[in-house]
């Protein structure tokens, strides 16, 4: 198993952040199911885990719950994440 690094990974992280921004309607309190994100973006479990951890380390999202088929159950976008998502549009 390896982690994507570079342009492809950054592109997927941006897609994930944009999708999360749309699903939560820029509400930082709204929990979004990780399974829903995975379906929307068509990513596998390992890639999604790496993307979510990357975005959390950048303080763009918060892991809201643990569990389920994707290790993390729900995520919430942060204020910083909302601003970043708006810039990406």
Protein backbone atom coordinates (compact mmCIF):
# COMPACT_ATOMS: atom_id res chain seq x y z
CA UNK A 1 0.00 0.00 0.00
CA UNK A 2 1.30 3.46 -0.82
CA UNK A 3 0.02 6.98 -0.52
CA UNK A 4 -0.34 9.24 -3.53
CA UNK A 5 1.82 12.32 -3.27
CA UNK A 6 1.94 15.37 -5.47
CA UNK A 7 -0.49 16.69 -8.02
CA UNK A 8 -2.93 13.78 -8.09
CA UNK A 9 -3.23 13.70 -4.31
CA UNK A 10 -3.67 17.47 -4.06
CA UNK A 11 -6.27 17.39 -6.81
CA UNK A 12 -8.25 14.70 -4.95
CA UNK A 13 -7.95 16.62 -1.68
CA UNK A 14 -9.35 19.73 -3.40
CA UNK A 15 -12.23 17.70 -4.87
CA UNK A 16 -12.99 16.28 -1.44
CA UNK A 17 -12.96 19.70 0.21
CA UNK A 18 -15.20 21.18 -2.50
CA UNK A 19 -17.64 18.27 -2.17
CA UNK A 20 -17.69 18.58 1.60
CA UNK A 21 -18.33 22.33 1.33
CA UNK A 22 -21.31 21.70 -0.92
CA UNK A 23 -22.76 18.91 1.21
CA UNK A 24 -22.53 20.85 4.46
CA UNK A 25 -23.73 24.07 2.81
CA UNK A 26 -20.84 25.90 4.53
CA UNK A 27 -22.25 24.98 7.97
CA UNK A 28 -19.31 24.12 10.25
CA UNK A 29 -21.60 22.29 12.68
CA UNK A 30 -23.11 19.93 10.11
CA UNK A 31 -21.77 16.36 10.20
CA UNK A 32 -21.32 14.75 6.80
CA UNK A 33 -21.21 10.95 6.51
CA UNK A 34 -17.84 9.79 5.19
CA UNK A 35 -19.59 7.03 3.26
CA UNK A 36 -21.49 9.70 1.30
CA UNK A 37 -18.22 11.45 0.42
CA UNK A 38 -16.70 8.16 -0.72
CA UNK A 39 -19.64 7.47 -3.02
CA UNK A 40 -19.63 10.98 -4.47
CA UNK A 41 -15.90 10.94 -5.20
CA UNK A 42 -15.57 7.22 -6.01
CA UNK A 43 -12.50 6.74 -3.81
CA UNK A 44 -11.41 3.62 -1.99
CA UNK A 45 -11.09 3.27 1.75
CA UNK A 46 -7.31 3.73 2.00
CA UNK A 47 -7.22 6.80 -0.24
CA UNK A 48 -10.14 8.40 1.58
CA UNK A 49 -8.50 7.80 4.96
CA UNK A 50 -5.29 9.46 3.75
CA UNK A 51 -7.18 12.40 2.25
CA UNK A 52 -9.21 12.99 5.41
CA UNK A 53 -6.13 12.83 7.62
CA UNK A 54 -4.31 15.25 5.31
CA UNK A 55 -7.21 17.74 5.39
CA UNK A 56 -7.50 17.39 9.16
CA UNK A 57 -3.78 18.08 9.59
CA UNK A 58 -4.25 21.23 7.49
CA UNK A 59 -7.12 22.20 9.88
CA UNK A 60 -9.61 22.25 7.00
CA UNK A 61 -11.85 19.54 8.48
CA UNK A 62 -12.52 17.86 11.82
CA UNK A 63 -13.16 14.16 12.26
CA UNK A 64 -16.55 14.16 13.99
CA UNK A 65 -17.00 10.43 14.60
CA UNK A 66 -15.07 7.19 14.28
CA UNK A 67 -16.48 3.95 12.90
CA UNK A 68 -18.13 2.49 9.88
CA UNK A 69 -16.72 0.98 6.70
CA UNK A 70 -14.35 3.92 6.09
CA UNK A 71 -12.83 4.06 9.61
CA UNK A 72 -14.22 7.56 10.09
CA UNK A 73 -17.97 7.95 10.33
CA UNK A 74 -18.55 11.68 9.95
CA UNK A 75 -16.53 14.81 9.25
CA UNK A 76 -17.21 18.51 9.65
CA UNK A 77 -15.67 21.34 7.66
CA UNK A 78 -13.87 24.05 9.64
CA UNK A 79 -14.15 27.79 9.09
CA UNK A 80 -10.73 27.63 7.45
CA UNK A 81 -12.02 24.80 5.25
CA UNK A 82 -15.06 26.83 4.18
CA UNK A 83 -12.82 29.72 3.14
CA UNK A 84 -10.47 27.41 1.25
CA UNK A 85 -13.38 25.70 -0.54
CA UNK A 86 -14.75 29.09 -1.61
CA UNK A 87 -11.35 30.01 -3.07
CA UNK A 88 -11.21 26.73 -5.01
CA UNK A 89 -14.48 27.36 -6.88
